[in-house]
Amino acid sequence: MSTTPDVVLERAERPVRTAAEVNEEIRALWFRSGGTLNTEQRSTYERLVLEWAAAQ
């Protein structure tokens, strides 16, 4: 008998973007940063790369 509740987590529904659309945002992020990402920008970049990979 399990003591943990059965919980189903659903992903938040978001519009699905194409890899090209996400790549455009990645390129814009690098352009705006001048080639060096700060901590906040790095987090955004990592999220975008995961989104890009999922869109492939």
PDB file of N, CA and C in Angstrom:
ATOM      1  N   MET A   1       0.842  -1.180   0.000  1.00  0.00           N
ATOM      2  CA  MET A   1       0.000   0.000   0.000  1.00  0.00           C
ATOM      3  C   MET A   1       0.884   1.240   0.000  1.00  0.00           C
ATOM      4  N   SER A   2       0.649   2.111  -0.951  1.00  0.00           N
ATOM      5  CA  SER A   2       1.444   3.320  -1.083  1.00  0.00           C
ATOM      6  C   SER A   2       0.929   4.404  -0.147  1.00  0.00           C
ATOM      7  N   THR A   3       1.855   5.157   0.416  1.00  0.00           N
ATOM      8  CA  THR A   3       1.464   6.266   1.291  1.00  0.00           C
ATOM      9  C   THR A   3       1.477   7.597   0.564  1.00  0.00           C
ATOM     10  N   THR A   4       1.878   7.590  -0.700  1.00  0.00           N
ATOM     11  CA  THR A   4       1.905   8.835  -1.466  1.00  0.00           C
ATOM     12  C   THR A   4       0.676   8.917  -2.355  1.00  0.00           C
ATOM     13  N   PRO A   5       0.100  10.099  -2.471  1.00  0.00           N
ATOM     14  CA  PRO A   5      -1.101  10.239  -3.312  1.00  0.00           C
ATOM     15  C   PRO A   5      -0.748  10.099  -4.789  1.00  0.00           C
ATOM     16  N   ASP A   6      -1.689   9.580  -5.537  1.00  0.00           N
ATOM     17  CA  ASP A   6      -1.514   9.497  -6.992  1.00  0.00           C
ATOM     18  C   ASP A   6      -1.899  10.845  -7.583  1.00  0.00           C
ATOM     19  N   VAL A   7      -0.905  11.521  -8.122  1.00  0.00           N
ATOM     20  CA  VAL A   7      -1.133  12.860  -8.680  1.00  0.00           C
ATOM     21  C   VAL A   7      -0.725  12.844 -10.139  1.00  0.00           C
ATOM     22  N   VAL A   8      -1.580  13.365 -10.961  1.00  0.00           N
ATOM     23  CA  VAL A   8      -1.276  13.490 -12.376  1.00  0.00           C
ATOM     24  C   VAL A   8      -1.043  14.964 -12.657  1.00  0.00           C
ATOM     25  N   LEU A   9       0.159  15.276 -13.123  1.00  0.00           N
ATOM     26  CA  LEU A   9       0.484  16.653 -13.458  1.00  0.00           C
ATOM     27  C   LEU A   9       0.364  16.835 -14.958  1.00  0.00           C
ATOM     28  N   GLU A  10      -0.369  17.830 -15.340  1.00  0.00           N
ATOM     29  CA  GLU A  10      -0.531  18.128 -16.758  1.00  0.00           C
ATOM     30  C   GLU A  10       0.341  19.313 -17.106  1.00  0.00           C
ATOM     31  N   ARG A  11       0.988  19.231 -18.270  1.00  0.00           N
ATOM     32  CA  ARG A  11       1.791  20.349 -18.742  1.00  0.00           C
ATOM     33  C   ARG A  11       0.875  21.497 -19.115  1.00  0.00           C
ATOM     34  N   ALA A  12       1.339  22.689 -18.814  1.00  0.00           N
ATOM     35  CA  ALA A  12       0.582  23.866 -19.223  1.00  0.00           C
ATOM     36  C   ALA A  12       0.527  23.886 -20.736  1.00  0.00           C
ATOM     37  N   GLU A  13      -0.629  24.127 -21.250  1.00  0.00           N
ATOM     38  CA  GLU A  13      -0.759  24.144 -22.702  1.00  0.00           C
ATOM     39  C   GLU A  13      -0.281  25.484 -23.247  1.00  0.00           C
ATOM     40  N   ARG A  14       0.646  25.407 -24.179  1.00  0.00           N
ATOM     41  CA  ARG A  14       1.184  26.585 -24.838  1.00  0.00           C
ATOM     42  C   ARG A  14       1.122  26.358 -26.332  1.00  0.00           C
ATOM     43  N   PRO A  15       1.041  27.434 -27.082  1.00  0.00           N
ATOM     44  CA  PRO A  15       1.099  27.261 -28.527  1.00  0.00           C
ATOM     45  C   PRO A  15       2.447  26.640 -28.909  1.00  0.00           C
ATOM     46  N   VAL A  16       2.430  25.695 -29.807  1.00  0.00           N
ATOM     47  CA  VAL A  16       3.649  25.042 -30.247  1.00  0.00           C
ATOM     48  C   VAL A  16       4.277  25.872 -31.358  1.00  0.00           C
ATOM     49  N   ARG A  17       5.554  26.192 -31.192  1.00  0.00           N
ATOM     50  CA  ARG A  17       6.266  26.964 -32.209  1.00  0.00           C
ATOM     51  C   ARG A  17       7.147  26.019 -33.012  1.00  0.00           C
ATOM     52  N   THR A  18       7.426  26.421 -34.221  1.00  0.00           N
ATOM     53  CA  THR A  18       8.324  25.627 -35.058  1.00  0.00           C
ATOM     54  C   THR A  18       9.761  25.825 -34.589  1.00  0.00           C
ATOM     55  N   ALA A  19      10.626  24.899 -34.984  1.00  0.00           N
ATOM     56  CA  ALA A  19      12.045  25.020 -34.659  1.00  0.00           C
ATOM     57  C   ALA A  19      12.611  26.316 -35.237  1.00  0.00           C
ATOM     58  N   ALA A  20      12.159  26.691 -36.412  1.00  0.00           N
ATOM     59  CA  ALA A  20      12.646  27.924 -37.045  1.00  0.00           C
ATOM     60  C   ALA A  20      12.259  29.158 -36.227  1.00  0.00           C
ATOM     61  N   GLU A  21      11.051  29.162 -35.685  1.00  0.00           N
ATOM     62  CA  GLU A  21      10.608  30.297 -34.867  1.00  0.00           C
ATOM     63  C   GLU A  21      11.433  30.399 -33.584  1.00  0.00           C
ATOM     64  N   VAL A  22      11.687  29.270 -32.967  1.00  0.00           N
ATOM     65  CA  VAL A  22      12.477  29.269 -31.738  1.00  0.00           C
ATOM     66  C   VAL A  22      13.919  29.657 -32.053  1.00  0.00           C
ATOM     67  N   ASN A  23      14.454  29.147 -33.154  1.00  0.00           N
ATOM     68  CA  ASN A  23      15.811  29.493 -33.557  1.00  0.00           C
ATOM     69  C   ASN A  23      15.948  30.998 -33.783  1.00  0.00           C
ATOM     70  N   GLU A  24      14.943  31.602 -34.348  1.00  0.00           N
ATOM     71  CA  GLU A  24      14.965  33.052 -34.561  1.00  0.00           C
ATOM     72  C   GLU A  24      15.077  33.785 -33.217  1.00  0.00           C
ATOM     73  N   GLU A  25      14.349  33.307 -32.217  1.00  0.00           N
ATOM     74  CA  GLU A  25      14.420  33.933 -30.892  1.00  0.00           C
ATOM     75  C   GLU A  25      15.794  33.712 -30.254  1.00  0.00           C
ATOM     76  N   ILE A  26      16.361  32.527 -30.449  1.00  0.00           N
ATOM     77  CA  ILE A  26      17.706  32.247 -29.924  1.00  0.00           C
ATOM     78  C   ILE A  26      18.724  33.191 -30.554  1.00  0.00           C
ATOM     79  N   ARG A  27      18.643  33.353 -31.863  1.00  0.00           N
ATOM     80  CA  ARG A  27      19.576  34.247 -32.557  1.00  0.00           C
ATOM     81  C   ARG A  27      19.421  35.699 -32.077  1.00  0.00           C
ATOM     82  N   ALA A  28      18.180  36.119 -31.874  1.00  0.00           N
ATOM     83  CA  ALA A  28      17.937  37.478 -31.396  1.00  0.00           C
ATOM     84  C   ALA A  28      18.498  37.670 -29.981  1.00  0.00           C
ATOM     85  N   LEU A  29      18.369  36.659 -29.148  1.00  0.00           N
ATOM     86  CA  LEU A  29      18.901  36.730 -27.792  1.00  0.00           C
ATOM     87  C   LEU A  29      20.418  36.920 -27.824  1.00  0.00           C
ATOM     88  N   TRP A  30      21.100  36.126 -28.645  1.00  0.00           N
ATOM     89  CA  TRP A  30      22.556  36.256 -28.767  1.00  0.00           C
ATOM     90  C   TRP A  30      22.941  37.621 -29.334  1.00  0.00           C
ATOM     91  N   PHE A  31      22.180  38.105 -30.301  1.00  0.00           N
ATOM     92  CA  PHE A  31      22.482  39.406 -30.903  1.00  0.00           C
ATOM     93  C   PHE A  31      22.351  40.522 -29.863  1.00  0.00           C
ATOM     94  N   ARG A  32      21.224  40.500 -29.121  1.00  0.00           N
ATOM     95  CA  ARG A  32      20.993  41.527 -28.096  1.00  0.00           C
ATOM     96  C   ARG A  32      22.046  41.489 -26.998  1.00  0.00           C
ATOM     97  N   SER A  33      22.549  40.309 -26.693  1.00  0.00           N
ATOM     98  CA  SER A  33      23.509  40.166 -25.590  1.00  0.00           C
ATOM     99  C   SER A  33      24.921  40.574 -25.994  1.00  0.00           C
ATOM    100  N   GLY A  34      25.148  40.722 -27.278  1.00  0.00           N
ATOM    101  CA  GLY A  34      26.490  41.047 -27.739  1.00  0.00           C
ATOM    102  C   GLY A  34      27.442  39.859 -27.675  1.00  0.00           C
ATOM    103  N   GLY A  35      26.875  38.666 -27.572  1.00  0.00           N
ATOM    104  CA  GLY A  35      27.702  37.462 -27.583  1.00  0.00           C
ATOM    105  C   GLY A  35      28.030  36.878 -26.226  1.00  0.00           C
ATOM    106  N   THR A  36      27.625  37.561 -25.155  1.00  0.00           N
ATOM    107  CA  THR A  36      27.860  37.057 -23.797  1.00  0.00           C
ATOM    108  C   THR A  36      26.546  37.100 -23.031  1.00  0.00           C
ATOM    109  N   LEU A  37      26.135  35.949 -22.512  1.00  0.00           N
ATOM    110  CA  LEU A  37      24.865  35.867 -21.791  1.00  0.00           C
ATOM    111  C   LEU A  37      25.072  36.020 -20.292  1.00  0.00           C
ATOM    112  N   ASN A  38      24.206  36.849 -19.667  1.00  0.00           N
ATOM    113  CA  ASN A  38      24.229  36.919 -18.208  1.00  0.00           C
ATOM    114  C   ASN A  38      23.403  35.747 -17.658  1.00  0.00           C
ATOM    115  N   THR A  39      23.269  35.655 -16.369  1.00  0.00           N
ATOM    116  CA  THR A  39      22.592  34.517 -15.743  1.00  0.00           C
ATOM    117  C   THR A  39      21.147  34.391 -16.203  1.00  0.00           C
ATOM    118  N   GLU A  40      20.436  35.493 -16.247  1.00  0.00           N
ATOM    119  CA  GLU A  40      19.031  35.463 -16.677  1.00  0.00           C
ATOM    120  C   GLU A  40      18.920  35.055 -18.146  1.00  0.00           C
ATOM    121  N   GLN A  41      19.780  35.632 -18.970  1.00  0.00           N
ATOM    122  CA  GLN A  41      19.776  35.297 -20.388  1.00  0.00           C
ATOM    123  C   GLN A  41      20.157  33.838 -20.615  1.00  0.00           C
ATOM    124  N   ARG A  42      21.079  33.317 -19.826  1.00  0.00           N
ATOM    125  CA  ARG A  42      21.499  31.918 -19.947  1.00  0.00           C
ATOM    126  C   ARG A  42      20.324  30.996 -19.636  1.00  0.00           C
ATOM    127  N   SER A  43      19.526  31.341 -18.632  1.00  0.00           N
ATOM    128  CA  SER A  43      18.333  30.538 -18.305  1.00  0.00           C
ATOM    129  C   SER A  43      17.342  30.554 -19.460  1.00  0.00           C
ATOM    130  N   THR A  44      17.159  31.733 -20.045  1.00  0.00           N
ATOM    131  CA  THR A  44      16.269  31.857 -21.201  1.00  0.00           C
ATOM    132  C   THR A  44      16.795  31.024 -22.354  1.00  0.00           C
ATOM    133  N   TYR A  45      18.088  31.099 -22.609  1.00  0.00           N
ATOM    134  CA  TYR A  45      18.719  30.341 -23.684  1.00  0.00           C
ATOM    135  C   TYR A  45      18.516  28.839 -23.485  1.00  0.00           C
ATOM    136  N   GLU A  46      18.742  28.358 -22.280  1.00  0.00           N
ATOM    137  CA  GLU A  46      18.585  26.932 -21.998  1.00  0.00           C
ATOM    138  C   GLU A  46      17.149  26.474 -22.236  1.00  0.00           C
ATOM    139  N   ARG A  47      16.179  27.298 -21.819  1.00  0.00           N
ATOM    140  CA  ARG A  47      14.763  26.972 -22.054  1.00  0.00           C
ATOM    141  C   ARG A  47      14.467  26.935 -23.548  1.00  0.00           C
ATOM    142  N   LEU A  48      15.013  27.895 -24.275  1.00  0.00           N
ATOM    143  CA  LEU A  48      14.785  27.955 -25.716  1.00  0.00           C
ATOM    144  C   LEU A  48      15.407  26.766 -26.441  1.00  0.00           C
ATOM    145  N   VAL A  49      16.596  26.356 -26.024  1.00  0.00           N
ATOM    146  CA  VAL A  49      17.244  25.212 -26.664  1.00  0.00           C
ATOM    147  C   VAL A  49      16.418  23.945 -26.455  1.00  0.00           C
ATOM    148  N   LEU A  50      15.873  23.777 -25.263  1.00  0.00           N
ATOM    149  CA  LEU A  50      15.014  22.614 -25.012  1.00  0.00           C
ATOM    150  C   LEU A  50      13.746  22.669 -25.878  1.00  0.00           C
ATOM    151  N   GLU A  51      13.181  23.872 -26.003  1.00  0.00           N
ATOM    152  CA  GLU A  51      11.998  24.037 -26.843  1.00  0.00           C
ATOM    153  C   GLU A  51      12.347  23.760 -28.306  1.00  0.00           C
ATOM    154  N   TRP A  52      13.496  24.254 -28.741  1.00  0.00           N
ATOM    155  CA  TRP A  52      13.950  24.039 -30.120  1.00  0.00           C
ATOM    156  C   TRP A  52      14.124  22.533 -30.397  1.00  0.00           C
ATOM    157  N   ALA A  53      14.774  21.837 -29.472  1.00  0.00           N
ATOM    158  CA  ALA A  53      15.024  20.406 -29.644  1.00  0.00           C
ATOM    159  C   ALA A  53      13.698  19.633 -29.708  1.00  0.00           C
ATOM    160  N   ALA A  54      12.732  20.021 -28.904  1.00  0.00           N
ATOM    161  CA  ALA A  54      11.432  19.340 -28.903  1.00  0.00           C
ATOM    162  C   ALA A  54      10.672  19.607 -30.195  1.00  0.00           C
ATOM    163  N   ALA A  55      10.953  20.738 -30.824  1.00  0.00           N
ATOM    164  CA  ALA A  55      10.258  21.104 -32.055  1.00  0.00           C
ATOM    165  C   ALA A  55      10.852  20.431 -33.281  1.00  0.00           C
ATOM    166  N   GLN A  56      12.017  19.826 -33.149  1.00  0.00           N
ATOM    167  CA  GLN A  56      12.701  19.181 -34.274  1.00  0.00           C
ATOM    168  C   GLN A  56      11.929  17.987 -34.762  1.00  0.00           C
TER     169      GLN A  56
END
